[in-house]
């Protein structure tokens, strides 16, 4: 049987079963298969863990990356050296944000599956609130960084928005 398979594969210019299998999954050849499997598993589970579809999760990542890049740029303008401490602080903040989003969503789904309506609604509301608040907080940080990048005081854009909100609310 193996002989027949090898002969068949040779007609397609594969000289062994191993060569054929490596063409199906070239990540094994480069020893990145485990990393890609983990990435695929995480990507598929985004909706189950965070309650966000792929587009929303990418948008959240864009906000995080924009905060990071604008923060690095603002630090450079302030002549502050880039340090692993600041990157670690940013990473810890993102990890905490993702834990809050993930736990609130998982609690919402758990209570929903167990027909605990009130608890499900509370955690569903908390999940949405946390996502909105986290995005807003990152926007504030980005605006602080953009103020510095544009040569203004760190609070310049925030004060303008605060004044607009005051006039809008009351």
N, C-alpha and C. Protein backbone atom coordinates (compact mmCIF):
# COMPACT_ATOMS: atom_id res chain seq x y z
N UNK A 1 0.83 -1.19 0.00
CA UNK A 1 0.00 0.00 0.00
C UNK A 1 0.87 1.25 0.00
N UNK A 2 1.93 1.25 0.85
CA UNK A 2 2.81 2.41 0.92
C UNK A 2 3.52 2.62 -0.42
N UNK A 3 3.90 1.53 -1.07
CA UNK A 3 4.54 1.60 -2.37
C UNK A 3 3.63 2.29 -3.39
N UNK A 4 2.35 1.92 -3.39
CA UNK A 4 1.39 2.51 -4.32
C UNK A 4 1.25 4.01 -4.03
N UNK A 5 1.18 4.38 -2.75
CA UNK A 5 1.03 5.78 -2.37
C UNK A 5 2.26 6.58 -2.82
N UNK A 6 3.43 6.00 -2.63
CA UNK A 6 4.65 6.68 -3.04
C UNK A 6 4.68 6.86 -4.56
N UNK A 7 4.29 5.86 -5.29
CA UNK A 7 4.24 5.96 -6.76
C UNK A 7 3.26 7.04 -7.19
N UNK A 8 2.11 7.07 -6.54
CA UNK A 8 1.10 8.09 -6.86
C UNK A 8 1.63 9.48 -6.58
N UNK A 9 2.27 9.64 -5.44
CA UNK A 9 2.81 10.95 -5.07
C UNK A 9 3.90 11.40 -6.03
N UNK A 10 4.69 10.45 -6.53
CA UNK A 10 5.76 10.80 -7.47
C UNK A 10 5.20 11.38 -8.75
N UNK A 11 3.99 10.99 -9.12
CA UNK A 11 3.39 11.56 -10.32
C UNK A 11 3.07 13.04 -10.13
N UNK A 12 2.99 13.47 -8.87
CA UNK A 12 2.77 14.89 -8.56
C UNK A 12 4.06 15.57 -8.10
N UNK A 13 5.20 14.89 -8.34
CA UNK A 13 6.53 15.40 -8.03
C UNK A 13 6.81 15.48 -6.53
N UNK A 14 6.16 14.62 -5.74
CA UNK A 14 6.54 14.43 -4.35
C UNK A 14 7.23 13.08 -4.29
N UNK A 15 8.39 13.02 -3.67
CA UNK A 15 9.18 11.81 -3.71
C UNK A 15 9.06 10.94 -2.46
N UNK A 16 8.22 11.38 -1.51
CA UNK A 16 7.97 10.57 -0.33
C UNK A 16 6.68 11.06 0.34
N UNK A 17 6.17 10.22 1.20
CA UNK A 17 4.97 10.62 1.95
C UNK A 17 5.31 11.79 2.86
N UNK A 18 6.50 11.76 3.45
CA UNK A 18 6.93 12.86 4.32
C UNK A 18 6.98 14.17 3.56
N UNK A 19 7.52 14.16 2.35
CA UNK A 19 7.58 15.37 1.53
C UNK A 19 6.18 15.89 1.24
N UNK A 20 5.24 14.99 0.96
CA UNK A 20 3.85 15.37 0.72
C UNK A 20 3.24 15.99 1.99
N UNK A 21 3.44 15.36 3.12
CA UNK A 21 2.89 15.87 4.38
C UNK A 21 3.47 17.24 4.73
N UNK A 22 4.75 17.43 4.46
CA UNK A 22 5.37 18.73 4.72
C UNK A 22 4.84 19.80 3.77
N UNK A 23 4.40 19.41 2.59
CA UNK A 23 3.80 20.40 1.70
C UNK A 23 2.39 20.77 2.17
N UNK A 24 1.71 19.84 2.85
CA UNK A 24 0.40 20.14 3.41
C UNK A 24 0.52 21.05 4.63
N UNK A 25 1.54 20.85 5.41
CA UNK A 25 1.76 21.62 6.64
C UNK A 25 3.21 22.05 6.72
N UNK A 26 3.61 23.06 5.93
CA UNK A 26 5.00 23.48 5.91
C UNK A 26 5.49 24.06 7.23
N UNK A 27 4.58 24.40 8.13
CA UNK A 27 5.01 24.93 9.43
C UNK A 27 5.82 23.91 10.20
N UNK A 28 5.59 22.60 9.95
CA UNK A 28 6.38 21.57 10.62
C UNK A 28 7.84 21.63 10.17
N UNK A 29 8.04 21.93 8.89
CA UNK A 29 9.39 22.02 8.34
C UNK A 29 10.18 23.14 9.04
N UNK A 30 9.51 24.22 9.36
CA UNK A 30 10.18 25.37 9.96
C UNK A 30 10.06 25.40 11.49
N UNK A 31 9.46 24.36 12.04
CA UNK A 31 9.30 24.22 13.49
C UNK A 31 8.50 25.37 14.12
N UNK A 32 7.49 25.84 13.38
CA UNK A 32 6.60 26.87 13.93
C UNK A 32 5.17 26.36 14.07
N UNK A 33 5.00 25.05 13.95
CA UNK A 33 3.67 24.46 13.99
C UNK A 33 2.97 24.67 15.33
N UNK A 34 3.68 24.53 16.42
CA UNK A 34 3.07 24.69 17.75
C UNK A 34 2.60 26.13 17.92
N UNK A 35 3.45 27.07 17.56
CA UNK A 35 3.08 28.49 17.69
C UNK A 35 1.85 28.81 16.83
N UNK A 36 1.81 28.28 15.62
CA UNK A 36 0.66 28.53 14.75
C UNK A 36 -0.61 27.86 15.27
N UNK A 37 -0.47 26.69 15.86
CA UNK A 37 -1.64 26.01 16.44
C UNK A 37 -2.18 26.80 17.63
N UNK A 38 -1.29 27.33 18.44
CA UNK A 38 -1.72 28.15 19.58
C UNK A 38 -2.41 29.41 19.07
N UNK A 39 -1.81 30.06 18.08
CA UNK A 39 -2.41 31.26 17.50
C UNK A 39 -3.79 30.95 16.92
N UNK A 40 -3.91 29.85 16.21
CA UNK A 40 -5.21 29.47 15.63
C UNK A 40 -6.23 29.20 16.72
N UNK A 41 -5.82 28.52 17.76
CA UNK A 41 -6.73 28.21 18.87
C UNK A 41 -7.20 29.49 19.56
N UNK A 42 -6.26 30.40 19.79
CA UNK A 42 -6.63 31.67 20.42
C UNK A 42 -7.58 32.44 19.52
N UNK A 43 -7.26 32.50 18.25
CA UNK A 43 -8.08 33.26 17.30
C UNK A 43 -9.52 32.72 17.26
N UNK A 44 -9.65 31.41 17.24
CA UNK A 44 -10.97 30.79 17.19
C UNK A 44 -11.73 31.03 18.50
N UNK A 45 -11.01 31.10 19.61
CA UNK A 45 -11.67 31.23 20.91
C UNK A 45 -11.94 32.67 21.32
N UNK A 46 -11.58 33.66 20.50
CA UNK A 46 -11.79 35.05 20.87
C UNK A 46 -13.24 35.32 21.25
N UNK A 47 -14.15 34.84 20.44
CA UNK A 47 -15.57 35.08 20.71
C UNK A 47 -16.00 34.38 22.00
N UNK A 48 -15.48 33.18 22.22
CA UNK A 48 -15.86 32.41 23.42
C UNK A 48 -15.28 33.00 24.70
N UNK A 49 -14.10 33.58 24.63
CA UNK A 49 -13.43 34.07 25.83
C UNK A 49 -13.73 35.55 26.08
N UNK A 50 -13.70 36.37 25.05
CA UNK A 50 -13.84 37.80 25.23
C UNK A 50 -15.20 38.35 24.79
N UNK A 51 -15.99 37.53 24.10
CA UNK A 51 -17.29 38.00 23.65
C UNK A 51 -17.19 39.03 22.54
N UNK A 52 -16.07 39.02 21.83
CA UNK A 52 -15.85 39.96 20.73
C UNK A 52 -15.65 39.17 19.45
N UNK A 53 -16.24 39.63 18.37
CA UNK A 53 -15.92 38.97 17.11
C UNK A 53 -14.52 39.40 16.69
N UNK A 54 -14.02 38.78 15.64
CA UNK A 54 -12.63 39.03 15.23
C UNK A 54 -12.39 40.50 14.88
N UNK A 55 -13.37 41.13 14.23
CA UNK A 55 -13.21 42.53 13.85
C UNK A 55 -13.10 43.42 15.07
N UNK A 56 -13.96 43.21 16.06
CA UNK A 56 -13.93 44.02 17.28
C UNK A 56 -12.63 43.78 18.04
N UNK A 57 -12.17 42.54 18.08
CA UNK A 57 -10.91 42.26 18.79
C UNK A 57 -9.74 42.93 18.08
N UNK A 58 -9.74 42.90 16.75
CA UNK A 58 -8.68 43.59 16.00
C UNK A 58 -8.74 45.09 16.28
N UNK A 59 -9.94 45.65 16.34
CA UNK A 59 -10.09 47.07 16.65
C UNK A 59 -9.52 47.37 18.04
N UNK A 60 -9.79 46.50 19.00
CA UNK A 60 -9.25 46.67 20.35
C UNK A 60 -7.72 46.61 20.32
N UNK A 61 -7.17 45.67 19.56
CA UNK A 61 -5.71 45.59 19.42
C UNK A 61 -5.14 46.84 18.76
N UNK A 62 -5.85 47.38 17.78
CA UNK A 62 -5.40 48.62 17.12
C UNK A 62 -5.34 49.76 18.13
N UNK A 63 -6.34 49.84 19.01
CA UNK A 63 -6.33 50.87 20.05
C UNK A 63 -5.12 50.68 20.97
N UNK A 64 -4.88 49.44 21.40
CA UNK A 64 -3.74 49.17 22.28
C UNK A 64 -2.42 49.52 21.58
N UNK A 65 -2.28 49.11 20.34
CA UNK A 65 -1.03 49.37 19.60
C UNK A 65 -0.86 50.86 19.36
N UNK A 66 -1.95 51.56 19.07
CA UNK A 66 -1.88 53.02 18.86
C UNK A 66 -1.43 53.71 20.15
N UNK A 67 -1.95 53.25 21.28
CA UNK A 67 -1.51 53.83 22.55
C UNK A 67 -0.02 53.58 22.76
N UNK A 68 0.42 52.37 22.47
CA UNK A 68 1.83 52.03 22.65
C UNK A 68 2.72 52.88 21.74
N UNK A 69 2.40 52.94 20.46
CA UNK A 69 3.24 53.68 19.50
C UNK A 69 3.21 55.17 19.80
N UNK A 70 2.02 55.71 20.10
CA UNK A 70 1.95 57.14 20.39
C UNK A 70 2.69 57.45 21.71
N UNK A 71 2.63 56.53 22.66
CA UNK A 71 3.36 56.72 23.92
C UNK A 71 4.87 56.71 23.71
N UNK A 72 5.34 55.80 22.89
CA UNK A 72 6.77 55.74 22.58
C UNK A 72 7.21 57.02 21.87
N UNK A 73 6.38 57.47 20.92
CA UNK A 73 6.70 58.70 20.19
C UNK A 73 6.71 59.90 21.13
N UNK A 74 5.72 60.00 22.01
CA UNK A 74 5.67 61.11 22.97
C UNK A 74 6.88 61.07 23.91
N UNK A 75 7.26 59.89 24.35
CA UNK A 75 8.44 59.75 25.21
C UNK A 75 9.69 60.24 24.49
N UNK A 76 9.79 59.88 23.21
CA UNK A 76 10.94 60.31 22.41
C UNK A 76 10.98 61.84 22.31
N UNK A 77 9.82 62.46 22.11
CA UNK A 77 9.75 63.92 22.01
C UNK A 77 10.13 64.56 23.34
N UNK A 78 9.75 63.94 24.46
CA UNK A 78 10.11 64.45 25.79
C UNK A 78 11.54 64.09 26.17
N UNK A 79 12.27 63.46 25.26
CA UNK A 79 13.65 63.02 25.49
C UNK A 79 13.77 62.03 26.65
N UNK A 80 12.75 61.21 26.81
CA UNK A 80 12.80 60.16 27.82
C UNK A 80 13.29 58.88 27.15
N UNK A 81 14.20 58.18 27.80
CA UNK A 81 14.69 56.94 27.18
C UNK A 81 13.61 55.85 27.19
N UNK A 82 13.63 55.05 26.16
CA UNK A 82 12.72 53.91 26.08
C UNK A 82 13.20 52.86 27.07
N UNK A 83 12.28 52.35 27.88
CA UNK A 83 12.71 51.39 28.90
C UNK A 83 11.79 50.17 28.90
N UNK A 84 12.34 49.07 29.34
CA UNK A 84 11.54 47.85 29.45
C UNK A 84 10.49 48.01 30.54
N UNK A 85 10.73 48.87 31.51
CA UNK A 85 9.77 49.11 32.58
C UNK A 85 8.47 49.66 32.00
N UNK A 86 8.58 50.63 31.09
CA UNK A 86 7.37 51.21 30.49
C UNK A 86 6.63 50.18 29.63
N UNK A 87 7.38 49.38 28.90
CA UNK A 87 6.74 48.34 28.09
C UNK A 87 6.08 47.30 28.99
N UNK A 88 6.72 46.98 30.11
CA UNK A 88 6.13 46.04 31.06
C UNK A 88 4.85 46.60 31.67
N UNK A 89 4.86 47.88 31.99
CA UNK A 89 3.65 48.53 32.54
C UNK A 89 2.52 48.47 31.53
N UNK A 90 2.84 48.77 30.26
CA UNK A 90 1.82 48.71 29.22
C UNK A 90 1.28 47.28 29.08
N UNK A 91 2.17 46.31 29.08
CA UNK A 91 1.75 44.91 28.94
C UNK A 91 0.86 44.48 30.10
N UNK A 92 1.20 44.90 31.30
CA UNK A 92 0.39 44.56 32.47
C UNK A 92 -1.00 45.20 32.37
N UNK A 93 -1.05 46.46 31.92
CA UNK A 93 -2.35 47.12 31.74
C UNK A 93 -3.21 46.36 30.74
N UNK A 94 -2.63 45.98 29.61
CA UNK A 94 -3.38 45.25 28.58
C UNK A 94 -3.84 43.90 29.13
N UNK A 95 -2.99 43.22 29.85
CA UNK A 95 -3.37 41.93 30.45
C UNK A 95 -4.54 42.11 31.41
N UNK A 96 -4.48 43.13 32.25
CA UNK A 96 -5.59 43.40 33.18
C UNK A 96 -6.87 43.72 32.43
N UNK A 97 -6.77 44.54 31.39
CA UNK A 97 -7.95 44.86 30.59
C UNK A 97 -8.57 43.58 30.01
N UNK A 98 -7.72 42.72 29.44
CA UNK A 98 -8.24 41.51 28.81
C UNK A 98 -8.85 40.55 29.84
N UNK A 99 -8.27 40.50 31.04
CA UNK A 99 -8.84 39.67 32.10
C UNK A 99 -10.22 40.19 32.48
N UNK A 100 -10.34 41.50 32.67
CA UNK A 100 -11.64 42.08 33.01
C UNK A 100 -12.69 41.80 31.94
N UNK A 101 -12.30 41.96 30.68
CA UNK A 101 -13.23 41.70 29.58
C UNK A 101 -13.60 40.23 29.54
N UNK A 102 -12.61 39.37 29.62
CA UNK A 102 -12.84 37.93 29.53
C UNK A 102 -13.65 37.37 30.68
N UNK A 103 -13.32 37.78 31.90
CA UNK A 103 -14.04 37.24 33.07
C UNK A 103 -15.49 37.72 33.07
N UNK A 104 -15.71 38.99 32.78
CA UNK A 104 -17.10 39.48 32.78
C UNK A 104 -17.92 38.76 31.71
N UNK A 105 -17.33 38.50 30.56
CA UNK A 105 -18.07 37.79 29.50
C UNK A 105 -18.32 36.33 29.89
N UNK A 106 -17.32 35.66 30.42
CA UNK A 106 -17.49 34.25 30.81
C UNK A 106 -18.54 34.11 31.91
N UNK A 107 -18.55 35.04 32.86
CA UNK A 107 -19.58 35.02 33.91
C UNK A 107 -20.96 35.24 33.30
N UNK A 108 -21.06 36.20 32.40
CA UNK A 108 -22.33 36.45 31.71
C UNK A 108 -22.83 35.18 31.01
N UNK A 109 -21.95 34.54 30.26
CA UNK A 109 -22.34 33.34 29.52
C UNK A 109 -22.68 32.18 30.45
N UNK A 110 -21.93 32.04 31.53
CA UNK A 110 -22.20 30.96 32.47
C UNK A 110 -23.58 31.13 33.10
N UNK A 111 -23.87 32.35 33.57
CA UNK A 111 -25.19 32.58 34.17
C UNK A 111 -26.30 32.44 33.13
N UNK A 112 -26.01 32.85 31.91
CA UNK A 112 -27.01 32.72 30.84
C UNK A 112 -27.32 31.24 30.58
N UNK A 113 -26.30 30.41 30.51
CA UNK A 113 -26.51 28.97 30.26
C UNK A 113 -27.20 28.26 31.42
N UNK A 114 -27.09 28.83 32.62
CA UNK A 114 -27.75 28.24 33.78
C UNK A 114 -29.08 28.92 34.10
N UNK A 115 -29.59 29.70 33.14
CA UNK A 115 -30.87 30.38 33.28
C UNK A 115 -30.95 31.25 34.53
N UNK A 116 -29.87 31.91 34.85
CA UNK A 116 -29.84 32.87 35.96
C UNK A 116 -29.93 34.26 35.33
N UNK A 117 -31.15 34.66 35.01
CA UNK A 117 -31.40 35.84 34.19
C UNK A 117 -30.78 37.11 34.76
N UNK A 118 -31.04 37.40 36.02
CA UNK A 118 -30.58 38.67 36.60
C UNK A 118 -29.06 38.74 36.62
N UNK A 119 -28.41 37.68 37.07
CA UNK A 119 -26.94 37.66 37.09
C UNK A 119 -26.38 37.76 35.67
N UNK A 120 -27.02 37.10 34.73
CA UNK A 120 -26.58 37.16 33.33
C UNK A 120 -26.67 38.58 32.80
N UNK A 121 -27.77 39.25 33.07
CA UNK A 121 -27.95 40.64 32.60
C UNK A 121 -26.91 41.56 33.26
N UNK A 122 -26.67 41.37 34.55
CA UNK A 122 -25.69 42.21 35.25
C UNK A 122 -24.30 42.04 34.65
N UNK A 123 -23.89 40.79 34.45
CA UNK A 123 -22.55 40.56 33.89
C UNK A 123 -22.49 40.92 32.41
N UNK A 124 -23.60 40.79 31.70
CA UNK A 124 -23.63 41.24 30.30
C UNK A 124 -23.44 42.75 30.22
N UNK A 125 -24.14 43.47 31.11
CA UNK A 125 -23.99 44.92 31.16
C UNK A 125 -22.57 45.29 31.55
N UNK A 126 -22.03 44.61 32.57
CA UNK A 126 -20.67 44.88 33.03
C UNK A 126 -19.66 44.65 31.91
N UNK A 127 -19.86 43.58 31.14
CA UNK A 127 -18.96 43.28 30.01
C UNK A 127 -18.94 44.43 29.01
N UNK A 128 -20.11 44.89 28.60
CA UNK A 128 -20.19 45.99 27.63
C UNK A 128 -19.61 47.27 28.24
N UNK A 129 -19.96 47.54 29.48
CA UNK A 129 -19.45 48.73 30.16
C UNK A 129 -17.92 48.72 30.20
N UNK A 130 -17.34 47.58 30.58
CA UNK A 130 -15.88 47.50 30.67
C UNK A 130 -15.21 47.72 29.32
N UNK A 131 -15.76 47.13 28.27
CA UNK A 131 -15.16 47.32 26.94
C UNK A 131 -15.21 48.80 26.56
N UNK A 132 -16.36 49.43 26.72
CA UNK A 132 -16.50 50.84 26.36
C UNK A 132 -15.55 51.69 27.21
N UNK A 133 -15.53 51.45 28.52
CA UNK A 133 -14.68 52.23 29.41
C UNK A 133 -13.20 52.04 29.09
N UNK A 134 -12.79 50.81 28.82
CA UNK A 134 -11.38 50.53 28.50
C UNK A 134 -10.98 51.23 27.20
N UNK A 135 -11.84 51.19 26.20
CA UNK A 135 -11.54 51.88 24.94
C UNK A 135 -11.46 53.39 25.19
N UNK A 136 -12.41 53.94 25.95
CA UNK A 136 -12.36 55.37 26.26
C UNK A 136 -11.08 55.75 27.01
N UNK A 137 -10.70 54.94 27.99
CA UNK A 137 -9.47 55.22 28.75
C UNK A 137 -8.25 55.22 27.85
N UNK A 138 -8.23 54.29 26.90
CA UNK A 138 -7.10 54.24 25.96
C UNK A 138 -7.14 55.44 25.02
N UNK A 139 -8.35 55.88 24.63
CA UNK A 139 -8.46 57.09 23.81
C UNK A 139 -7.90 58.30 24.55
N UNK A 140 -8.21 58.41 25.83
CA UNK A 140 -7.69 59.52 26.63
C UNK A 140 -6.17 59.47 26.63
N UNK A 141 -5.60 58.31 26.83
CA UNK A 141 -4.14 58.17 26.83
C UNK A 141 -3.55 58.53 25.46
N UNK A 142 -4.21 58.08 24.41
CA UNK A 142 -3.75 58.41 23.04
C UNK A 142 -3.81 59.92 22.82
N UNK A 143 -4.89 60.55 23.27
CA UNK A 143 -5.02 62.00 23.11
C UNK A 143 -3.94 62.75 23.90
N UNK A 144 -3.61 62.26 25.09
CA UNK A 144 -2.50 62.86 25.84
C UNK A 144 -1.21 62.77 25.02
N UNK A 145 -0.95 61.59 24.47
CA UNK A 145 0.26 61.40 23.68
C UNK A 145 0.26 62.27 22.43
N UNK A 146 -0.89 62.37 21.76
CA UNK A 146 -0.98 63.20 20.56
C UNK A 146 -0.78 64.68 20.88
N UNK A 147 -1.24 65.12 22.06
CA UNK A 147 -1.00 66.51 22.47
C UNK A 147 0.50 66.77 22.56
N UNK A 148 1.22 65.85 23.20
CA UNK A 148 2.67 66.00 23.33
C UNK A 148 3.33 65.95 21.96
N UNK A 149 2.89 65.02 21.12
CA UNK A 149 3.48 64.88 19.78
C UNK A 149 3.28 66.16 18.97
N UNK A 150 2.13 66.80 19.13
CA UNK A 150 1.84 68.02 18.36
C UNK A 150 2.43 69.27 19.01
N UNK A 151 3.21 69.09 20.10
CA UNK A 151 3.90 70.22 20.72
C UNK A 151 3.09 70.97 21.75
N UNK A 152 1.98 70.40 22.17
CA UNK A 152 1.13 71.06 23.16
C UNK A 152 1.34 70.43 24.53
N UNK A 153 0.72 71.05 25.52
CA UNK A 153 0.71 70.48 26.86
C UNK A 153 -0.05 69.15 26.82
N UNK A 154 0.34 68.24 27.68
CA UNK A 154 -0.23 66.89 27.70
C UNK A 154 -1.76 66.90 27.81
N UNK A 155 -2.31 67.87 28.49
CA UNK A 155 -3.76 67.92 28.73
C UNK A 155 -4.52 68.75 27.71
N UNK A 156 -3.85 69.32 26.71
CA UNK A 156 -4.49 70.27 25.79
C UNK A 156 -5.74 69.69 25.13
N UNK A 157 -5.64 68.54 24.53
CA UNK A 157 -6.79 67.98 23.81
C UNK A 157 -7.85 67.48 24.78
N UNK A 158 -7.42 66.98 25.93
CA UNK A 158 -8.37 66.49 26.93
C UNK A 158 -9.22 67.64 27.45
N UNK A 159 -8.61 68.79 27.69
CA UNK A 159 -9.35 69.96 28.18
C UNK A 159 -10.38 70.40 27.14
N UNK A 160 -10.02 70.38 25.86
CA UNK A 160 -10.97 70.74 24.81
C UNK A 160 -12.17 69.80 24.80
N UNK A 161 -11.90 68.52 24.92
CA UNK A 161 -13.00 67.53 24.94
C UNK A 161 -13.84 67.70 26.19
N UNK A 162 -13.18 67.93 27.31
CA UNK A 162 -13.89 68.14 28.57
C UNK A 162 -14.82 69.34 28.47
N UNK A 163 -14.34 70.42 27.86
CA UNK A 163 -15.18 71.61 27.68
C UNK A 163 -16.37 71.31 26.77
N UNK A 164 -16.15 70.56 25.72
CA UNK A 164 -17.25 70.18 24.80
C UNK A 164 -18.27 69.33 25.54
N UNK A 165 -17.80 68.39 26.35
CA UNK A 165 -18.71 67.53 27.10
C UNK A 165 -19.54 68.35 28.09
N UNK A 166 -18.91 69.34 28.74
CA UNK A 166 -19.64 70.20 29.67
C UNK A 166 -20.75 70.95 28.96
N UNK A 167 -20.43 71.49 27.77
CA UNK A 167 -21.45 72.26 27.04
C UNK A 167 -22.55 71.33 26.50
N UNK A 168 -22.20 70.12 26.21
CA UNK A 168 -23.18 69.15 25.69
C UNK A 168 -24.10 68.63 26.81
N UNK A 169 -23.50 68.32 27.97
CA UNK A 169 -24.26 67.74 29.07
C UNK A 169 -25.03 68.82 29.83
N UNK A 170 -24.40 69.96 30.00
CA UNK A 170 -25.20 70.82 30.78
C UNK A 170 -24.82 72.15 31.11
